[in-house]
């Protein structure tokens, strides 16, 4: 098993060690995410996605200090900047929940021609597939949240590839999603 030592750019100290996924493991994760998405009988209904995201927000809000220290240590950022990042991430989850309420199709009156008189057209929105999220190092938690949470909100499964300099924030986000009730295969 290959690992990566995560070092703080602030002082060069090792702040953690994470597993480095093999090509086969990455392919397996992509395959699982794709199979999860294709199994439409197990798509997460909107109320369940909202419930999960509300749980994510609660967990993040209860762990602001822990998440702040994680962002500061792995990214070498000042504490206050890291705290702002965590609060922006929490707000990102809140915004995803709010926008999910408006994520619906439309009913369109036809009647533009004789053949469409007294007819209606309907549009609907549905998830399009697996989302690949490649996250940068400079705001590791907030950027991961802003890539992963909207995808989950609209019902897409996600594969996240964090920056190798700051992978622990993305790993923690996935752990939080699972703690919040997100089933395996979705992130």
C-alpha atoms as a PDB file:
ATOM      1  CA  UNK A   1       0.000   0.000   0.000  1.00  0.00           C
ATOM      2  CA  UNK A   2       1.420   3.332  -1.046  1.00  0.00           C
ATOM      3  CA  UNK A   3       0.978   6.399   1.145  1.00  0.00           C
ATOM      4  CA  UNK A   4       1.605  10.119   0.936  1.00  0.00           C
ATOM      5  CA  UNK A   5       2.942  12.170   3.819  1.00  0.00           C
ATOM      6  CA  UNK A   6       1.076  15.457   4.032  1.00  0.00           C
ATOM      7  CA  UNK A   7       3.380  18.225   5.215  1.00  0.00           C
ATOM      8  CA  UNK A   8       2.495  21.721   6.302  1.00  0.00           C
ATOM      9  CA  UNK A   9       3.938  24.353   3.971  1.00  0.00           C
ATOM     10  CA  UNK A  10       4.158  26.608   7.030  1.00  0.00           C
ATOM     11  CA  UNK A  11       6.760  24.621   8.954  1.00  0.00           C
ATOM     12  CA  UNK A  12       7.389  21.470   6.912  1.00  0.00           C
ATOM     13  CA  UNK A  13       6.086  19.177   9.654  1.00  0.00           C
ATOM     14  CA  UNK A  14       4.192  16.036   8.719  1.00  0.00           C
ATOM     15  CA  UNK A  15       0.524  16.585   9.607  1.00  0.00           C
ATOM     16  CA  UNK A  16      -0.814  13.297   8.323  1.00  0.00           C
ATOM     17  CA  UNK A  17      -0.397  10.281   6.114  1.00  0.00           C
ATOM     18  CA  UNK A  18      -2.988   9.269   3.555  1.00  0.00           C
ATOM     19  CA  UNK A  19      -3.373   6.256   1.315  1.00  0.00           C
ATOM     20  CA  UNK A  20      -2.437   6.781  -2.315  1.00  0.00           C
ATOM     21  CA  UNK A  21      -4.991   4.990  -4.497  1.00  0.00           C
ATOM     22  CA  UNK A  22      -3.759   2.640  -7.185  1.00  0.00           C
ATOM     23  CA  UNK A  23      -4.985   2.807 -10.768  1.00  0.00           C
ATOM     24  CA  UNK A  24      -7.139  -0.259 -10.104  1.00  0.00           C
ATOM     25  CA  UNK A  25      -8.682   1.321  -6.989  1.00  0.00           C
ATOM     26  CA  UNK A  26      -9.501   4.502  -8.905  1.00  0.00           C
ATOM     27  CA  UNK A  27     -11.085   2.457 -11.695  1.00  0.00           C
ATOM     28  CA  UNK A  28     -13.043   0.516  -9.060  1.00  0.00           C
ATOM     29  CA  UNK A  29     -14.310   3.738  -7.477  1.00  0.00           C
ATOM     30  CA  UNK A  30     -15.354   5.100 -10.863  1.00  0.00           C
ATOM     31  CA  UNK A  31     -17.063   1.810 -11.712  1.00  0.00           C
ATOM     32  CA  UNK A  32     -18.931   1.796  -8.381  1.00  0.00           C
ATOM     33  CA  UNK A  33     -20.018   5.435  -8.836  1.00  0.00           C
ATOM     34  CA  UNK A  34     -21.217   4.655 -12.361  1.00  0.00           C
ATOM     35  CA  UNK A  35     -23.103   1.519 -11.283  1.00  0.00           C
ATOM     36  CA  UNK A  36     -24.631   3.461  -8.387  1.00  0.00           C
ATOM     37  CA  UNK A  37     -25.810   6.140 -10.783  1.00  0.00           C
ATOM     38  CA  UNK A  38     -27.195   3.659 -13.325  1.00  0.00           C
ATOM     39  CA  UNK A  39     -29.269   1.913 -10.641  1.00  0.00           C
ATOM     40  CA  UNK A  40     -32.181   4.347 -10.958  1.00  0.00           C
ATOM     41  CA  UNK A  41     -34.238   2.352  -8.446  1.00  0.00           C
ATOM     42  CA  UNK A  42     -31.758   3.494  -5.795  1.00  0.00           C
ATOM     43  CA  UNK A  43     -31.483   7.135  -6.807  1.00  0.00           C
ATOM     44  CA  UNK A  44     -31.757   9.348  -3.772  1.00  0.00           C
ATOM     45  CA  UNK A  45     -35.072  11.233  -3.763  1.00  0.00           C
ATOM     46  CA  UNK A  46     -34.931  14.969  -3.204  1.00  0.00           C
ATOM     47  CA  UNK A  47     -36.173  14.780   0.396  1.00  0.00           C
ATOM     48  CA  UNK A  48     -33.385  12.292   1.214  1.00  0.00           C
ATOM     49  CA  UNK A  49     -30.706  14.463  -0.406  1.00  0.00           C
ATOM     50  CA  UNK A  50     -31.969  17.459   1.575  1.00  0.00           C
ATOM     51  CA  UNK A  51     -31.913  15.391   4.767  1.00  0.00           C
ATOM     52  CA  UNK A  52     -28.330  14.274   4.099  1.00  0.00           C
ATOM     53  CA  UNK A  53     -27.172  17.811   3.289  1.00  0.00           C
ATOM     54  CA  UNK A  54     -28.849  19.191   6.412  1.00  0.00           C
ATOM     55  CA  UNK A  55     -26.981  16.537   8.400  1.00  0.00           C
ATOM     56  CA  UNK A  56     -23.740  17.538   6.657  1.00  0.00           C
ATOM     57  CA  UNK A  57     -24.340  21.151   7.648  1.00  0.00           C
ATOM     58  CA  UNK A  58     -24.999  20.151  11.277  1.00  0.00           C
ATOM     59  CA  UNK A  59     -21.867  18.019  11.456  1.00  0.00           C
ATOM     60  CA  UNK A  60     -19.708  20.720   9.887  1.00  0.00           C
ATOM     61  CA  UNK A  61     -21.189  23.376  12.175  1.00  0.00           C
ATOM     62  CA  UNK A  62     -20.445  21.243  15.235  1.00  0.00           C
ATOM     63  CA  UNK A  63     -16.848  20.666  14.080  1.00  0.00           C
ATOM     64  CA  UNK A  64     -15.799  24.161  12.994  1.00  0.00           C
ATOM     65  CA  UNK A  65     -12.737  24.140  15.253  1.00  0.00           C
ATOM     66  CA  UNK A  66     -11.557  20.687  14.119  1.00  0.00           C
ATOM     67  CA  UNK A  67     -12.084  21.534  10.444  1.00  0.00           C
ATOM     68  CA  UNK A  68     -10.368  24.907  10.865  1.00  0.00           C
ATOM     69  CA  UNK A  69      -7.296  23.276  12.397  1.00  0.00           C
ATOM     70  CA  UNK A  70      -7.250  20.662   9.624  1.00  0.00           C
ATOM     71  CA  UNK A  71      -7.310  23.334   6.905  1.00  0.00           C
ATOM     72  CA  UNK A  72      -4.680  25.418   8.701  1.00  0.00           C
ATOM     73  CA  UNK A  73      -2.305  22.520   9.310  1.00  0.00           C
ATOM     74  CA  UNK A  74      -2.393  20.849   5.896  1.00  0.00           C
ATOM     75  CA  UNK A  75      -2.602  24.080   3.896  1.00  0.00           C
ATOM     76  CA  UNK A  76      -0.239  26.168   6.024  1.00  0.00           C
ATOM     77  CA  UNK A  77      -2.828  28.933   6.144  1.00  0.00           C
ATOM     78  CA  UNK A  78      -3.467  31.318   9.016  1.00  0.00           C
ATOM     79  CA  UNK A  79      -6.079  30.136  11.506  1.00  0.00           C
ATOM     80  CA  UNK A  80      -8.512  32.980  10.726  1.00  0.00           C
ATOM     81  CA  UNK A  81      -8.322  32.311   6.961  1.00  0.00           C
ATOM     82  CA  UNK A  82      -8.997  28.640   7.600  1.00  0.00           C
ATOM     83  CA  UNK A  83     -11.965  29.485   9.810  1.00  0.00           C
ATOM     84  CA  UNK A  84     -13.398  31.702   7.062  1.00  0.00           C
ATOM     85  CA  UNK A  85     -12.923  28.805   4.622  1.00  0.00           C
ATOM     86  CA  UNK A  86     -14.876  26.430   6.864  1.00  0.00           C
ATOM     87  CA  UNK A  87     -17.719  28.923   7.301  1.00  0.00           C
ATOM     88  CA  UNK A  88     -17.833  29.492   3.528  1.00  0.00           C
ATOM     89  CA  UNK A  89     -18.071  25.728   3.071  1.00  0.00           C
ATOM     90  CA  UNK A  90     -20.964  25.507   5.538  1.00  0.00           C
ATOM     91  CA  UNK A  91     -22.680  28.337   3.676  1.00  0.00           C
ATOM     92  CA  UNK A  92     -22.099  26.450   0.409  1.00  0.00           C
ATOM     93  CA  UNK A  93     -24.039  23.481   1.787  1.00  0.00           C
ATOM     94  CA  UNK A  94     -26.832  25.816   2.913  1.00  0.00           C
ATOM     95  CA  UNK A  95     -27.018  27.388  -0.557  1.00  0.00           C
ATOM     96  CA  UNK A  96     -27.167  23.961  -2.219  1.00  0.00           C
ATOM     97  CA  UNK A  97     -30.128  23.039  -0.021  1.00  0.00           C
ATOM     98  CA  UNK A  98     -31.882  26.327  -0.821  1.00  0.00           C
ATOM     99  CA  UNK A  99     -31.327  25.994  -4.574  1.00  0.00           C
ATOM    100  CA  UNK A 100     -32.469  22.397  -4.563  1.00  0.00           C
ATOM    101  CA  UNK A 101     -35.963  23.650  -3.731  1.00  0.00           C
ATOM    102  CA  UNK A 102     -36.064  25.478  -7.069  1.00  0.00           C
ATOM    103  CA  UNK A 103     -34.518  22.613  -9.028  1.00  0.00           C
ATOM    104  CA  UNK A 104     -37.654  21.479 -10.810  1.00  0.00           C
ATOM    105  CA  UNK A 105     -38.988  21.220 -14.319  1.00  0.00           C
ATOM    106  CA  UNK A 106     -41.568  23.457 -15.947  1.00  0.00           C
ATOM    107  CA  UNK A 107     -45.033  23.165 -17.361  1.00  0.00           C
ATOM    108  CA  UNK A 108     -45.288  24.987 -20.687  1.00  0.00           C
ATOM    109  CA  UNK A 109     -48.569  25.842 -22.396  1.00  0.00           C
ATOM    110  CA  UNK A 110     -48.413  24.955 -26.061  1.00  0.00           C
ATOM    111  CA  UNK A 111     -51.138  26.172 -28.421  1.00  0.00           C
ATOM    112  CA  UNK A 112     -48.748  27.727 -30.911  1.00  0.00           C
ATOM    113  CA  UNK A 113     -50.233  25.713 -33.755  1.00  0.00           C
ATOM    114  CA  UNK A 114     -53.539  23.979 -34.441  1.00  0.00           C
ATOM    115  CA  UNK A 115     -52.005  20.609 -33.625  1.00  0.00           C
ATOM    116  CA  UNK A 116     -50.759  21.778 -30.216  1.00  0.00           C
ATOM    117  CA  UNK A 117     -53.929  23.564 -29.109  1.00  0.00           C
ATOM    118  CA  UNK A 118     -54.970  22.643 -25.556  1.00  0.00           C
ATOM    119  CA  UNK A 119     -51.738  20.734 -24.977  1.00  0.00           C
ATOM    120  CA  UNK A 120     -49.003  21.105 -22.404  1.00  0.00           C
ATOM    121  CA  UNK A 121     -45.312  20.350 -22.562  1.00  0.00           C
ATOM    122  CA  UNK A 122     -43.348  19.351 -19.492  1.00  0.00           C
ATOM    123  CA  UNK A 123     -39.677  19.625 -18.771  1.00  0.00           C
ATOM    124  CA  UNK A 124     -37.963  17.881 -15.931  1.00  0.00           C
ATOM    125  CA  UNK A 125     -34.495  17.904 -14.472  1.00  0.00           C
ATOM    126  CA  UNK A 126     -32.627  14.783 -13.575  1.00  0.00           C
ATOM    127  CA  UNK A 127     -29.024  13.928 -12.747  1.00  0.00           C
ATOM    128  CA  UNK A 128     -26.753  13.393 -15.744  1.00  0.00           C
ATOM    129  CA  UNK A 129     -24.122  11.001 -14.392  1.00  0.00           C
ATOM    130  CA  UNK A 130     -20.943  10.683 -12.408  1.00  0.00           C
ATOM    131  CA  UNK A 131     -19.176  13.952 -11.611  1.00  0.00           C
ATOM    132  CA  UNK A 132     -15.375  14.057 -11.541  1.00  0.00           C
ATOM    133  CA  UNK A 133     -14.239  16.716  -9.059  1.00  0.00           C
ATOM    134  CA  UNK A 134     -10.577  17.736  -9.219  1.00  0.00           C
ATOM    135  CA  UNK A 135      -9.825  20.028  -6.324  1.00  0.00           C
ATOM    136  CA  UNK A 136      -7.022  22.562  -5.858  1.00  0.00           C
ATOM    137  CA  UNK A 137      -4.733  23.042  -2.869  1.00  0.00           C
ATOM    138  CA  UNK A 138      -5.385  26.662  -1.946  1.00  0.00           C
ATOM    139  CA  UNK A 139      -8.819  26.278  -0.291  1.00  0.00           C
ATOM    140  CA  UNK A 140      -9.015  22.499   0.013  1.00  0.00           C
ATOM    141  CA  UNK A 141     -12.133  22.122   2.134  1.00  0.00           C
ATOM    142  CA  UNK A 142     -14.210  24.906   0.605  1.00  0.00           C
ATOM    143  CA  UNK A 143     -13.339  23.963  -2.982  1.00  0.00           C
ATOM    144  CA  UNK A 144     -14.152  20.303  -2.360  1.00  0.00           C
ATOM    145  CA  UNK A 145     -17.489  21.303  -0.819  1.00  0.00           C
ATOM    146  CA  UNK A 146     -18.322  23.588  -3.746  1.00  0.00           C
ATOM    147  CA  UNK A 147     -17.648  20.751  -6.207  1.00  0.00           C
ATOM    148  CA  UNK A 148     -19.076  17.755  -4.367  1.00  0.00           C
ATOM    149  CA  UNK A 149     -22.139  19.165  -2.581  1.00  0.00           C
ATOM    150  CA  UNK A 150     -23.951  20.575  -5.670  1.00  0.00           C
ATOM    151  CA  UNK A 151     -23.438  17.255  -7.469  1.00  0.00           C
ATOM    152  CA  UNK A 152     -24.873  15.300  -4.530  1.00  0.00           C
ATOM    153  CA  UNK A 153     -27.688  17.856  -4.207  1.00  0.00           C
ATOM    154  CA  UNK A 154     -28.908  17.213  -7.755  1.00  0.00           C
ATOM    155  CA  UNK A 155     -28.474  13.443  -7.475  1.00  0.00           C
ATOM    156  CA  UNK A 156     -25.156  12.755  -9.186  1.00  0.00           C
ATOM    157  CA  UNK A 157     -22.551  10.415  -7.764  1.00  0.00           C
ATOM    158  CA  UNK A 158     -19.088  11.972  -7.370  1.00  0.00           C
ATOM    159  CA  UNK A 159     -15.451  10.948  -7.590  1.00  0.00           C
ATOM    160  CA  UNK A 160     -13.149  13.508  -5.964  1.00  0.00           C
ATOM    161  CA  UNK A 161      -9.456  13.821  -6.667  1.00  0.00           C
ATOM    162  CA  UNK A 162      -7.977  16.262  -4.150  1.00  0.00           C
ATOM    163  CA  UNK A 163      -4.661  18.036  -4.558  1.00  0.00           C
ATOM    164  CA  UNK A 164      -1.851  15.827  -3.284  1.00  0.00           C
ATOM    165  CA  UNK A 165      -0.647  18.715  -1.088  1.00  0.00           C
ATOM    166  CA  UNK A 166      -3.987  18.958   0.772  1.00  0.00           C
ATOM    167  CA  UNK A 167      -5.918  15.683   0.523  1.00  0.00           C
ATOM    168  CA  UNK A 168      -7.050  15.414   4.143  1.00  0.00           C
ATOM    169  CA  UNK A 169      -9.794  18.043   3.803  1.00  0.00           C
ATOM    170  CA  UNK A 170     -11.454  16.177   0.929  1.00  0.00           C
ATOM    171  CA  UNK A 171     -11.116  12.878   2.774  1.00  0.00           C
ATOM    172  CA  UNK A 172     -12.769  14.464   5.803  1.00  0.00           C
ATOM    173  CA  UNK A 173     -15.590  15.820   3.612  1.00  0.00           C
ATOM    174  CA  UNK A 174     -16.327  12.320   2.290  1.00  0.00           C
ATOM    175  CA  UNK A 175     -16.297  10.984   5.863  1.00  0.00           C
ATOM    176  CA  UNK A 176     -18.774  13.710   6.874  1.00  0.00           C
ATOM    177  CA  UNK A 177     -21.029  12.815   3.927  1.00  0.00           C
ATOM    178  CA  UNK A 178     -21.069   9.181   5.040  1.00  0.00           C
ATOM    179  CA  UNK A 179     -21.690  10.170   8.681  1.00  0.00           C
ATOM    180  CA  UNK A 180     -24.595  12.277   7.395  1.00  0.00           C
ATOM    181  CA  UNK A 181     -26.187   9.251   5.732  1.00  0.00           C
ATOM    182  CA  UNK A 182     -24.880   9.279   2.156  1.00  0.00           C
ATOM    183  CA  UNK A 183     -24.872   5.655   0.947  1.00  0.00           C
ATOM    184  CA  UNK A 184     -21.737   3.996  -0.420  1.00  0.00           C
ATOM    185  CA  UNK A 185     -21.072   4.637  -4.080  1.00  0.00           C
ATOM    186  CA  UNK A 186     -22.271   8.247  -4.067  1.00  0.00           C
ATOM    187  CA  UNK A 187     -18.947   9.899  -3.071  1.00  0.00           C
END
